[in-house]
């Protein structure tokens, strides 16, 4: 169970750690120059907006389906939209997939925080919450 608490953090790190090494190739793939660079910049920054939206939506999803199902939805969304760069060749669809990827991570992060609040109490909760953000 404790491993699942860190799913959101791992996913959030992967959003930003996996993309920078390939930004130059991404820009070149979409024609380089200002347009290609813009696509790379948007691909890098859109997930953060998605995380915000996902965090807002997560409460309703958790309330309706429960924390575990919401976490599963977030994990599946991360898997599908995180791999979208392998099979999407259009800039707009790629950017949309990056935004939805952020939504999936926002849901995961909220679920993980909710699980900490549910399963841990007192000093143990503070320790686990600290581990989530540290």
C-alpha atoms as a PDB file:
ATOM      1  CA  UNK A   1       0.000   0.000   0.000  1.00  0.00           C
ATOM      2  CA  UNK A   2       2.777   2.423   0.877  1.00  0.00           C
ATOM      3  CA  UNK A   3       4.286   2.070  -2.613  1.00  0.00           C
ATOM      4  CA  UNK A   4       1.010   3.192  -4.187  1.00  0.00           C
ATOM      5  CA  UNK A   5       1.191   6.397  -2.144  1.00  0.00           C
ATOM      6  CA  UNK A   6       4.166   7.511  -4.204  1.00  0.00           C
ATOM      7  CA  UNK A   7       2.650   6.765  -7.624  1.00  0.00           C
ATOM      8  CA  UNK A   8       1.679  10.401  -8.111  1.00  0.00           C
ATOM      9  CA  UNK A   9       5.114  11.717  -7.233  1.00  0.00           C
ATOM     10  CA  UNK A  10       6.827   9.293  -9.584  1.00  0.00           C
ATOM     11  CA  UNK A  11       4.443  10.196 -12.379  1.00  0.00           C
ATOM     12  CA  UNK A  12       4.892  13.921 -11.799  1.00  0.00           C
ATOM     13  CA  UNK A  13       8.663  13.541 -11.906  1.00  0.00           C
ATOM     14  CA  UNK A  14       8.510  11.560 -15.128  1.00  0.00           C
ATOM     15  CA  UNK A  15       6.472  14.262 -16.867  1.00  0.00           C
ATOM     16  CA  UNK A  16       9.347  16.682 -16.547  1.00  0.00           C
ATOM     17  CA  UNK A  17      12.384  14.416 -16.372  1.00  0.00           C
ATOM     18  CA  UNK A  18      11.667  12.447 -19.535  1.00  0.00           C
ATOM     19  CA  UNK A  19      10.955  15.362 -21.876  1.00  0.00           C
ATOM     20  CA  UNK A  20      13.958  17.746 -21.651  1.00  0.00           C
ATOM     21  CA  UNK A  21      16.464  15.341 -23.239  1.00  0.00           C
ATOM     22  CA  UNK A  22      14.290  15.108 -26.359  1.00  0.00           C
ATOM     23  CA  UNK A  23      13.068  18.708 -26.663  1.00  0.00           C
ATOM     24  CA  UNK A  24      15.531  19.493 -29.456  1.00  0.00           C
ATOM     25  CA  UNK A  25      14.377  16.434 -31.419  1.00  0.00           C
ATOM     26  CA  UNK A  26      10.749  17.332 -30.745  1.00  0.00           C
ATOM     27  CA  UNK A  27      11.318  20.828 -32.097  1.00  0.00           C
ATOM     28  CA  UNK A  28      13.075  19.432 -35.172  1.00  0.00           C
ATOM     29  CA  UNK A  29      10.289  16.893 -35.721  1.00  0.00           C
ATOM     30  CA  UNK A  30       7.768  19.717 -35.965  1.00  0.00           C
ATOM     31  CA  UNK A  31       9.851  21.754 -38.402  1.00  0.00           C
ATOM     32  CA  UNK A  32      12.282  23.474 -36.055  1.00  0.00           C
ATOM     33  CA  UNK A  33      12.502  27.235 -35.899  1.00  0.00           C
ATOM     34  CA  UNK A  34      10.002  29.235 -33.912  1.00  0.00           C
ATOM     35  CA  UNK A  35       7.107  26.842 -34.564  1.00  0.00           C
ATOM     36  CA  UNK A  36       9.011  23.727 -33.511  1.00  0.00           C
ATOM     37  CA  UNK A  37      10.400  25.490 -30.448  1.00  0.00           C
ATOM     38  CA  UNK A  38       6.904  26.665 -29.509  1.00  0.00           C
ATOM     39  CA  UNK A  39       5.573  23.100 -29.710  1.00  0.00           C
ATOM     40  CA  UNK A  40       8.407  21.937 -27.462  1.00  0.00           C
ATOM     41  CA  UNK A  41       7.736  24.701 -24.953  1.00  0.00           C
ATOM     42  CA  UNK A  42       4.015  23.985 -24.884  1.00  0.00           C
ATOM     43  CA  UNK A  43       4.653  20.240 -24.566  1.00  0.00           C
ATOM     44  CA  UNK A  44       6.850  21.004 -21.592  1.00  0.00           C
ATOM     45  CA  UNK A  45       4.475  23.410 -19.835  1.00  0.00           C
ATOM     46  CA  UNK A  46       0.941  22.143 -20.570  1.00  0.00           C
ATOM     47  CA  UNK A  47       1.096  19.240 -18.094  1.00  0.00           C
ATOM     48  CA  UNK A  48       1.330  21.691 -15.186  1.00  0.00           C
ATOM     49  CA  UNK A  49      -2.000  23.237 -16.149  1.00  0.00           C
ATOM     50  CA  UNK A  50      -3.382  19.720 -16.447  1.00  0.00           C
ATOM     51  CA  UNK A  51      -2.156  18.888 -12.946  1.00  0.00           C
ATOM     52  CA  UNK A  52      -4.080  21.874 -11.607  1.00  0.00           C
ATOM     53  CA  UNK A  53      -7.257  20.806 -13.423  1.00  0.00           C
ATOM     54  CA  UNK A  54      -6.766  17.177 -12.350  1.00  0.00           C
ATOM     55  CA  UNK A  55      -6.394  18.212  -8.736  1.00  0.00           C
ATOM     56  CA  UNK A  56      -9.651  20.147  -8.931  1.00  0.00           C
ATOM     57  CA  UNK A  57     -11.507  17.294 -10.651  1.00  0.00           C
ATOM     58  CA  UNK A  58     -10.083  14.636  -8.349  1.00  0.00           C
ATOM     59  CA  UNK A  59     -12.389  15.500  -5.462  1.00  0.00           C
ATOM     60  CA  UNK A  60     -15.497  14.787  -7.521  1.00  0.00           C
ATOM     61  CA  UNK A  61     -13.996  11.625  -8.991  1.00  0.00           C
ATOM     62  CA  UNK A  62     -12.974  10.369  -5.537  1.00  0.00           C
ATOM     63  CA  UNK A  63     -16.400  11.172  -4.130  1.00  0.00           C
ATOM     64  CA  UNK A  64     -18.151   9.324  -6.944  1.00  0.00           C
ATOM     65  CA  UNK A  65     -15.881   6.292  -7.454  1.00  0.00           C
ATOM     66  CA  UNK A  66     -13.689   6.102  -4.349  1.00  0.00           C
ATOM     67  CA  UNK A  67      -9.992   6.782  -3.900  1.00  0.00           C
ATOM     68  CA  UNK A  68      -8.729   3.473  -5.231  1.00  0.00           C
ATOM     69  CA  UNK A  69     -10.742   3.651  -8.452  1.00  0.00           C
ATOM     70  CA  UNK A  70      -9.743   7.290  -8.946  1.00  0.00           C
ATOM     71  CA  UNK A  71      -6.079   6.335  -8.475  1.00  0.00           C
ATOM     72  CA  UNK A  72      -6.509   3.551 -11.003  1.00  0.00           C
ATOM     73  CA  UNK A  73      -8.087   6.003 -13.459  1.00  0.00           C
ATOM     74  CA  UNK A  74      -5.111   8.317 -12.962  1.00  0.00           C
ATOM     75  CA  UNK A  75      -2.602   5.508 -13.453  1.00  0.00           C
ATOM     76  CA  UNK A  76      -4.274   4.229 -16.610  1.00  0.00           C
ATOM     77  CA  UNK A  77      -4.537   7.780 -17.950  1.00  0.00           C
ATOM     78  CA  UNK A  78      -0.853   8.274 -17.232  1.00  0.00           C
ATOM     79  CA  UNK A  79       0.036   5.088 -19.073  1.00  0.00           C
ATOM     80  CA  UNK A  80      -2.075   5.867 -22.125  1.00  0.00           C
ATOM     81  CA  UNK A  81      -1.334   9.564 -22.475  1.00  0.00           C
ATOM     82  CA  UNK A  82       2.259   9.240 -21.319  1.00  0.00           C
ATOM     83  CA  UNK A  83       2.941   6.918 -24.206  1.00  0.00           C
ATOM     84  CA  UNK A  84       1.031   9.056 -26.707  1.00  0.00           C
ATOM     85  CA  UNK A  85       4.268  10.505 -28.095  1.00  0.00           C
ATOM     86  CA  UNK A  86       4.990   7.074 -29.566  1.00  0.00           C
ATOM     87  CA  UNK A  87       1.906   7.016 -31.747  1.00  0.00           C
ATOM     88  CA  UNK A  88       0.795  10.646 -32.187  1.00  0.00           C
ATOM     89  CA  UNK A  89       2.403  12.548 -35.039  1.00  0.00           C
ATOM     90  CA  UNK A  90       0.298  15.722 -34.958  1.00  0.00           C
ATOM     91  CA  UNK A  91       1.331  18.730 -32.853  1.00  0.00           C
ATOM     92  CA  UNK A  92      -2.175  19.605 -31.623  1.00  0.00           C
ATOM     93  CA  UNK A  93      -2.960  16.026 -30.570  1.00  0.00           C
ATOM     94  CA  UNK A  94       0.409  15.781 -28.863  1.00  0.00           C
ATOM     95  CA  UNK A  95      -0.256  18.958 -26.891  1.00  0.00           C
ATOM     96  CA  UNK A  96      -3.730  17.770 -25.911  1.00  0.00           C
ATOM     97  CA  UNK A  97      -2.273  14.449 -24.782  1.00  0.00           C
ATOM     98  CA  UNK A  98       0.301  16.288 -22.658  1.00  0.00           C
ATOM     99  CA  UNK A  99      -2.470  18.324 -20.994  1.00  0.00           C
ATOM    100  CA  UNK A 100      -4.531  15.194 -20.297  1.00  0.00           C
ATOM    101  CA  UNK A 101      -1.378  13.524 -18.972  1.00  0.00           C
ATOM    102  CA  UNK A 102      -1.174  16.352 -16.447  1.00  0.00           C
ATOM    103  CA  UNK A 103      -4.821  15.791 -15.482  1.00  0.00           C
ATOM    104  CA  UNK A 104      -4.048  12.120 -14.801  1.00  0.00           C
ATOM    105  CA  UNK A 105      -1.104  13.077 -12.596  1.00  0.00           C
ATOM    106  CA  UNK A 106      -3.197  15.672 -10.738  1.00  0.00           C
ATOM    107  CA  UNK A 107      -5.722  12.964  -9.948  1.00  0.00           C
ATOM    108  CA  UNK A 108      -2.954  10.642  -8.757  1.00  0.00           C
ATOM    109  CA  UNK A 109      -1.389  13.273  -6.508  1.00  0.00           C
ATOM    110  CA  UNK A 110      -4.723  14.084  -4.892  1.00  0.00           C
ATOM    111  CA  UNK A 111      -5.499  10.396  -4.394  1.00  0.00           C
ATOM    112  CA  UNK A 112      -2.131   9.772  -2.776  1.00  0.00           C
ATOM    113  CA  UNK A 113      -2.649  12.660  -0.362  1.00  0.00           C
ATOM    114  CA  UNK A 114      -6.145  11.367   0.419  1.00  0.00           C
ATOM    115  CA  UNK A 115      -4.774   7.905   1.150  1.00  0.00           C
ATOM    116  CA  UNK A 116      -2.237   9.348   3.560  1.00  0.00           C
ATOM    117  CA  UNK A 117      -5.010  11.251   5.327  1.00  0.00           C
ATOM    118  CA  UNK A 118      -7.157   8.117   5.520  1.00  0.00           C
ATOM    119  CA  UNK A 119      -4.638   5.500   6.610  1.00  0.00           C
ATOM    120  CA  UNK A 120      -2.258   7.463   8.835  1.00  0.00           C
ATOM    121  CA  UNK A 121      -2.875   9.509  11.962  1.00  0.00           C
ATOM    122  CA  UNK A 122      -0.937  11.866  14.172  1.00  0.00           C
ATOM    123  CA  UNK A 123       2.814  11.865  13.870  1.00  0.00           C
ATOM    124  CA  UNK A 124       2.750   9.012  11.359  1.00  0.00           C
ATOM    125  CA  UNK A 125       0.530  11.101   9.033  1.00  0.00           C
ATOM    126  CA  UNK A 126       2.900  14.038   9.248  1.00  0.00           C
ATOM    127  CA  UNK A 127       5.846  11.753   8.453  1.00  0.00           C
ATOM    128  CA  UNK A 128       4.120  10.224   5.405  1.00  0.00           C
ATOM    129  CA  UNK A 129       2.908  13.614   4.164  1.00  0.00           C
ATOM    130  CA  UNK A 130       6.463  14.884   4.449  1.00  0.00           C
ATOM    131  CA  UNK A 131       7.718  11.940   2.446  1.00  0.00           C
ATOM    132  CA  UNK A 132       5.192  12.717  -0.300  1.00  0.00           C
ATOM    133  CA  UNK A 133       6.495  16.230  -0.815  1.00  0.00           C
ATOM    134  CA  UNK A 134      10.120  15.748   0.135  1.00  0.00           C
END
